[in-house]
Protein backbone atom coordinates (compact mmCIF):
# COMPACT_ATOMS: atom_id res chain seq x y z
CA MET A 1 141.46 150.08 129.36
CA SER A 2 145.01 150.34 128.07
CA ALA A 3 145.80 151.11 124.45
CA GLY A 4 146.90 147.53 123.84
CA THR A 5 143.74 145.89 125.25
CA ALA A 6 140.84 145.11 122.93
CA ASN A 7 137.24 144.60 123.93
CA PRO A 8 136.30 141.05 122.81
CA GLU A 9 132.77 142.21 122.12
CA THR A 10 133.83 144.76 119.53
CA SER A 11 135.10 144.36 116.00
CA ILE A 12 138.34 145.84 114.67
CA HIS A 13 136.34 148.93 113.71
CA GLY A 14 135.13 149.41 117.29
CA SER A 15 131.51 148.40 116.63
CA ARG A 16 129.68 145.55 118.35
CA PRO A 17 128.95 142.39 116.35
CA SER A 18 125.53 142.29 114.79
CA ALA A 19 122.73 140.28 116.36
CA LEU A 20 123.00 137.81 113.48
CA ALA A 21 126.72 137.37 114.10
CA ARG A 22 126.13 136.75 117.81
CA LEU A 23 123.42 134.18 117.05
CA ARG A 24 125.67 132.45 114.54
CA ASP A 25 128.48 132.33 117.09
CA TYR A 26 126.17 130.92 119.77
CA PHE A 27 124.39 128.25 117.72
CA THR A 28 126.87 127.33 114.95
CA SER A 29 130.31 128.31 116.25
CA ASP A 30 131.72 124.96 115.07
CA SER A 31 130.48 121.76 113.45
CA ARG A 32 129.63 120.09 116.76
CA ARG A 33 127.65 123.07 118.03
CA ALA A 34 125.81 123.25 114.70
CA LEU A 35 124.95 119.56 115.08
CA GLN A 36 123.61 120.12 118.60
CA THR A 37 121.49 122.99 117.30
CA ALA A 38 120.10 120.92 114.40
CA LEU A 39 119.20 118.08 116.76
CA GLY A 40 117.59 120.55 119.17
CA LEU A 41 115.42 121.97 116.39
CA LEU A 42 114.32 118.46 115.39
CA TRP A 43 113.26 117.70 118.98
CA LEU A 44 111.44 121.04 119.20
CA LEU A 45 109.54 120.21 116.02
CA ASP A 46 108.65 116.78 117.43
CA GLY A 47 107.40 118.42 120.62
CA ALA A 48 105.28 120.89 118.67
CA LEU A 49 103.76 118.07 116.62
CA GLN A 50 102.98 116.17 119.82
CA PHE A 51 100.79 119.09 120.92
CA GLN A 52 98.44 118.58 117.95
CA SER A 53 94.81 117.89 118.84
CA PHE A 54 95.04 114.48 117.14
CA MET A 55 97.53 113.37 119.79
CA TYR A 56 94.93 114.00 122.49
CA SER A 57 92.41 111.77 120.74
CA HIS A 58 91.81 108.04 120.53
CA GLY A 59 93.46 108.17 117.10
CA PHE A 60 96.89 108.48 118.75
CA ILE A 61 96.24 105.41 120.93
CA ALA A 62 94.98 103.50 117.91
CA MET A 63 98.15 104.44 116.02
CA LEU A 64 100.21 102.88 118.82
CA THR A 65 98.17 99.70 119.14
CA GLU A 66 98.21 99.13 115.37
CA MET A 67 101.93 98.43 115.67
CA THR A 68 101.34 95.33 117.81
CA ALA A 69 100.12 93.17 114.91
CA GLY A 70 102.85 90.82 113.74
CA GLN A 71 105.29 91.82 116.46
CA PRO A 72 106.94 89.29 118.81
CA SER A 73 104.76 88.71 121.85
CA TRP A 74 107.10 90.51 124.27
CA LEU A 75 107.14 93.61 122.07
CA ALA A 76 103.43 93.56 121.27
CA SER A 77 102.50 93.19 124.93
CA SER A 78 104.83 96.00 126.02
CA ILE A 79 103.44 98.40 123.39
CA GLY A 80 99.89 97.43 124.35
CA TRP A 81 100.69 98.06 128.00
CA ALA A 82 102.17 101.50 127.23
CA ALA A 83 99.14 102.45 125.13
CA LYS A 84 96.79 101.36 127.93
CA VAL A 85 98.69 103.42 130.51
CA ALA A 86 98.70 106.50 128.27
CA ASN A 87 95.00 106.11 127.51
CA GLY A 88 94.28 106.18 131.26
CA ASP A 89 94.79 109.95 131.24
CA LEU A 90 95.80 110.91 127.72
CA THR A 91 95.71 114.64 128.38
CA VAL A 92 98.32 114.38 131.13
CA PHE A 93 100.53 111.79 129.47
CA ASN A 94 100.55 113.34 126.01
CA THR A 95 101.35 116.75 127.49
CA LEU A 96 104.27 115.15 129.35
CA PHE A 97 105.43 113.52 126.09
CA ALA A 98 105.35 116.84 124.29
CA LEU A 99 107.00 118.79 127.12
CA THR A 100 109.80 116.22 127.36
CA GLN A 101 110.64 116.72 123.71
CA VAL A 102 110.43 120.50 123.99
CA THR A 103 112.70 120.34 127.05
CA ILE A 104 115.27 118.31 125.12
CA GLY A 105 115.14 120.76 122.23
CA LEU A 106 115.54 123.85 124.40
CA GLY A 107 118.25 122.14 126.44
CA LEU A 108 120.27 121.49 123.31
CA LEU A 109 119.90 125.09 122.16
CA TRP A 110 121.16 126.46 125.50
CA ARG A 111 124.87 125.75 125.80
CA ARG A 112 124.87 125.22 129.58
CA THR A 113 122.42 122.31 129.40
CA VAL A 114 123.71 120.49 126.33
CA ARG A 115 125.06 117.45 128.21
CA PRO A 116 121.93 116.69 130.29
CA ALA A 117 119.77 117.37 127.24
CA LEU A 118 121.78 114.90 125.16
CA ALA A 119 121.56 112.31 127.96
CA LEU A 120 117.79 112.80 128.18
CA SER A 121 117.50 112.61 124.39
CA LEU A 122 119.24 109.22 124.35
CA ALA A 123 116.90 107.81 127.00
CA TRP A 124 113.82 109.31 125.38
CA ALA A 125 114.85 108.14 121.91
CA LEU A 126 115.03 104.55 123.19
CA LEU A 127 111.56 104.83 124.77
CA VAL A 128 110.04 106.35 121.63
CA TRP A 129 111.76 103.83 119.35
CA TRP A 130 110.38 101.01 121.49
CA PHE A 131 106.87 102.10 122.42
CA GLY A 132 106.19 104.68 119.72
CA GLU A 133 107.84 103.11 116.67
CA GLY A 134 107.99 99.41 117.56
CA PHE A 135 111.73 99.39 116.82
CA GLY A 136 111.01 100.72 113.36
CA MET A 137 108.83 97.64 112.65
CA MET A 138 112.04 95.67 112.16
CA PHE A 139 110.53 92.58 113.83
CA MET A 140 107.31 92.45 111.78
CA LEU A 141 108.70 92.35 108.22
CA MET A 142 107.19 95.73 107.39
CA ALA A 143 110.27 97.94 107.70
CA GLU A 144 111.04 99.83 104.50
CA PRO A 145 113.90 102.32 104.02
CA LEU A 146 111.67 104.30 101.68
CA THR A 147 109.19 104.99 104.48
CA GLY A 148 111.82 105.80 107.11
CA ALA A 149 113.08 102.51 108.58
CA PRO A 150 114.73 101.88 110.95
CA GLY A 151 113.06 104.96 112.47
CA ALA A 152 113.81 108.65 112.95
CA VAL A 153 114.58 108.49 116.67
CA ALA A 154 117.13 105.73 116.13
CA VAL A 155 118.99 108.19 113.92
CA TYR A 156 118.50 110.92 116.55
CA ALA A 157 120.31 108.70 119.06
CA ILE A 158 123.35 108.26 116.80
CA ILE A 159 123.44 112.01 116.19
CA ALA A 160 123.32 112.63 119.96
CA LEU A 161 126.27 110.29 120.56
CA ILE A 162 128.34 112.06 117.89
CA ALA A 163 127.30 115.51 119.15
CA TRP A 164 128.43 114.82 122.73
CA PRO A 165 130.85 117.62 123.73
CA ASN A 166 133.86 115.64 124.98
CA GLY A 167 136.45 117.24 122.71
CA ARG A 168 137.17 114.26 120.47
CA PRO A 169 135.98 113.54 116.92
CA GLY A 170 132.85 111.41 116.97
CA GLY A 171 131.79 112.37 120.49
CA LEU A 172 131.01 109.38 122.70
CA LEU A 173 131.37 107.01 119.75
CA GLY A 174 134.79 108.27 118.76
CA LEU A 175 135.93 108.45 115.15
CA GLY A 176 135.96 104.71 114.59
CA GLY A 177 132.68 104.15 116.41
CA ALA A 178 130.90 106.85 114.42
CA ARG A 179 132.06 105.32 111.15
CA ILE A 180 131.03 101.84 112.29
CA ALA A 181 127.60 103.12 113.36
CA TRP A 182 127.14 104.84 110.00
CA CYS A 183 128.19 101.71 108.12
CA ALA A 184 125.96 99.43 110.20
CA LEU A 185 122.96 101.70 109.66
CA TRP A 186 123.39 101.69 105.90
CA ILE A 187 124.06 97.96 105.73
CA VAL A 188 120.76 97.44 107.57
CA MET A 189 119.15 99.72 104.97
CA ALA A 190 120.66 97.61 102.18
CA TRP A 191 119.31 94.45 103.76
CA LEU A 192 115.84 95.98 104.19
CA TRP A 193 115.75 96.89 100.51
CA LEU A 194 116.02 93.18 99.69
CA GLU A 195 113.21 92.18 102.06
CA PRO A 196 109.77 91.36 100.53
CA PRO A 197 108.05 94.67 101.51
CA SER A 198 110.59 96.65 99.47
CA ALA A 199 111.52 94.19 96.74
CA ALA A 200 108.08 93.43 95.24
CA PRO A 201 107.46 94.62 91.66
CA ASP A 202 105.03 97.36 92.74
CA ALA A 203 106.45 98.05 96.21
CA THR A 204 108.06 101.41 95.41
CA ALA A 205 105.08 102.64 93.41
CA SER A 206 102.65 101.62 96.17
CA VAL A 207 104.62 103.50 98.83
CA MET A 208 104.62 106.70 96.79
CA ARG A 209 100.93 106.41 95.91
CA GLU A 210 100.05 106.00 99.59
CA ALA A 211 102.55 108.55 100.91
CA PRO A 212 101.21 111.36 103.13
CA SER A 213 100.87 114.72 101.49
CA GLY A 214 98.48 117.45 102.59
CA MET A 215 99.38 119.59 99.57
CA SER A 216 98.07 119.21 96.03
CA TRP A 217 101.41 119.90 94.33
CA LEU A 218 103.11 117.27 96.49
CA SER A 219 100.45 114.69 95.69
CA THR A 220 100.92 115.44 92.00
CA ILE A 221 104.66 114.76 91.98
CA GLN A 222 104.25 111.70 94.21
CA LEU A 223 101.75 110.19 91.79
CA TRP A 224 104.02 111.10 88.86
CA ALA A 225 106.95 109.32 90.52
CA ALA A 226 104.75 106.32 91.41
CA LYS A 227 103.73 105.98 87.78
CA GLY A 228 107.37 105.89 86.70
CA ALA A 229 108.21 103.27 89.33
CA GLN A 230 105.25 101.03 88.50
CA GLY A 231 106.42 97.45 87.92
CA ASN A 232 110.08 98.33 88.50
CA GLY A 233 110.22 97.64 92.23
CA VAL A 234 112.64 94.72 92.01
CA ALA A 235 115.21 96.63 89.95
CA ILE A 236 114.85 99.71 92.16
CA ALA A 237 115.31 97.64 95.33
CA ILE A 238 118.43 95.87 94.04
CA ALA A 239 119.96 99.15 92.84
CA LEU A 240 119.25 100.97 96.10
CA ALA A 241 120.49 98.02 98.16
CA PHE A 242 123.80 98.23 96.31
CA VAL A 243 123.94 102.03 96.67
CA SER A 244 123.10 101.83 100.38
CA ALA A 245 125.87 99.31 101.04
CA ALA A 246 128.31 101.42 99.03
CA ILE A 247 127.42 104.56 101.01
CA GLY A 248 127.92 102.78 104.31
CA ILE A 249 131.22 101.11 103.42
CA ALA A 250 132.77 104.03 101.50
CA VAL A 251 132.23 106.50 104.33
CA ALA A 252 133.44 104.00 106.93
CA VAL A 253 136.74 103.37 105.14
CA GLY A 254 137.20 106.97 104.01
CA TRP A 255 136.99 106.26 100.27
CA HIS A 256 135.56 109.36 98.53
CA ALA A 257 133.63 109.81 101.76
CA LYS A 258 132.33 113.33 101.12
CA GLN A 259 130.99 112.40 97.69
CA PHE A 260 129.10 109.47 99.22
CA LEU A 261 127.81 111.68 102.03
CA ILE A 262 126.39 114.06 99.42
CA LEU A 263 124.78 111.07 97.71
CA ALA A 264 123.29 109.99 101.07
CA ILE A 265 121.81 113.46 101.63
CA VAL A 266 120.31 113.67 98.14
CA LEU A 267 118.90 110.15 98.35
CA ASN A 268 117.23 110.72 101.71
CA LEU A 269 115.81 114.09 100.71
CA LEU A 270 114.23 112.36 97.71
CA PHE A 271 112.80 109.71 100.04
CA TRP A 272 111.57 112.48 102.34
CA VAL A 273 109.67 114.22 99.56
CA PHE A 274 108.39 111.41 97.33
CA ALA A 275 107.79 108.60 99.85
CA GLN A 276 107.53 110.27 103.27
CA GLY A 277 105.70 113.45 102.23
CA PHE A 278 107.77 115.61 104.60
CA GLY A 279 106.82 113.16 107.33
CA GLY A 280 103.13 113.95 106.86
CA ILE A 281 103.45 117.12 108.93
CA PHE A 282 101.21 119.03 106.51
CA GLU A 283 98.56 116.32 106.57
CA GLY A 284 98.15 116.22 110.35
CA GLY A 285 98.75 113.41 112.80
CA ALA A 286 102.53 113.19 112.35
CA THR A 287 104.64 112.75 115.47
CA ASP A 288 107.92 113.68 113.74
CA PRO A 289 109.16 114.72 110.28
CA ASN A 290 110.25 111.10 109.62
CA ALA A 291 113.74 109.80 108.98
CA GLY A 292 114.65 111.49 105.70
CA ILE A 293 115.68 114.78 107.28
CA ALA A 294 117.29 112.98 110.24
CA PHE A 295 119.50 110.99 107.87
CA ALA A 296 120.52 114.25 106.17
CA VAL A 297 121.52 115.72 109.55
CA LEU A 298 123.47 112.54 110.37
CA ALA A 299 125.32 112.87 107.07
CA GLY A 300 126.17 116.42 108.08
CA ALA A 301 127.49 115.05 111.38
CA MET A 302 129.78 112.68 109.47
CA TRP A 303 131.06 115.41 107.14
CA PRO A 304 133.84 116.78 109.41
CA LEU A 305 134.77 113.22 110.41
CA ALA A 306 135.40 112.34 106.77
CA SER A 307 138.52 114.51 106.76
CA VAL A 308 139.91 113.30 110.09
CA GLY A 309 142.96 111.16 109.44
CA GLN A 310 142.92 111.95 105.72
CA ALA A 311 146.15 113.97 105.94
CA ASP A 312 147.84 111.10 107.81
CA ARG A 313 146.72 108.63 105.16
CA GLN A 314 147.99 110.88 102.38
CA LEU A 315 151.34 111.29 104.13
CA ALA A 316 151.63 107.53 104.60
CA ALA A 317 150.84 106.99 100.93
CA LYS A 318 153.53 109.50 99.91
CA ARG A 319 156.05 107.77 102.16
CA ARG A 320 155.21 104.39 100.66
CA ALA A 321 155.54 105.84 97.17
CA SER A 322 158.87 107.45 98.10
CA GLY A 323 160.07 104.13 99.49
CA LEU A 324 159.15 102.35 96.28
CA VAL A 325 160.98 104.95 94.22
CA ALA A 326 164.04 104.75 96.49
CA GLY A 327 164.00 100.97 96.30
CA ALA A 328 163.78 101.02 92.52
CA ALA A 329 166.74 103.42 92.39
C-alpha cells in the first residue's frame, strides 16, 4: 500500500472501527436504512408473537371469526373461509404465518434482500389487513383510533413504500405521495374520532378500562386515566379529531411539519400505553404491538421529508419579499 492510500476499514488513528460503529453503519447509515431496520424489527416482533402457544389453539381461530360480525357479506365470508382453511391444519399454517413474518424481518435487516423483503411485506400486509384485521374494522363501525384503527399493518405498508431504496425522497410514493398518504391517514383518523364508537360520552374511558395490560402498574395508570376521561368522551373526540386533521394537513403542506410530527409521536405513544397496553404483548395473545408504535415509526419516516423543499420555499419567499421591496422603491 502506498503512503497516500488509506485502508477504508481503519480510522485516522489506524485502528479498526468498533463493533458498535460497524453495526451502526450497517443498520442506520442513513434515514432510509434506519427506517428499513425499524420496519424489520417490527416484523420480527410480529413473527415472534405469532409463535406463541395461543396462536396454535382454537383461541386464534375464534379471534379471527369474531371479526365477521357486522362486516359486509363479502368480507365476512372471506374471513370465515380463511379461518376455516387455517383451522384445517393450524400447526402448519400458523408456523407458515410466523415464518413469513420472520423472513420479512430478517430480509429487511440484511441489505442484499431489502427489495424482495419490502415487496413481500407489502403483499403480506394486505393479506393480514384483510383476513387478520378485517380492514381495521372500518366496515363494521367499530374502528377507533384509540385502539389502533385503521390497523398496524396498514401503517407498515405505507412505511414500506417510503422505505423503498430507489434513491428519491419518499421511496415508491415520492415526496408528494408520502405527504398525501400521511394526510389521508390522519384525515381518516379525524373522521373516526367523530364516529359513534369514539364520540360517546364514556367511549374513551371504556377503552382505557378494557385495555390490555398484563402488568399491575400499567393497569393502575390505565384506570387512573379512565377515571379522568369518564363522561368527557365527546369533548375528547372533538378535540382529537381537530388535532388529527391538523397533524395530517400541516405535515402535508410543510407548515411547522416537524413540530406536528413530534405531536403525532407523543399522541400515539400515549395511545399505545393508555389505550393499547403496549399492544397486549405482556398479556399474551397479541399478534403485533398494535398501531401506536407503528405510527411513531411512520412519523420518523416523514421527518427527513419535512425538510425536503424547505430551502426552495424559503428562497422563493425571500425573492418575493425582495420583489415587493424593489417595487415599493
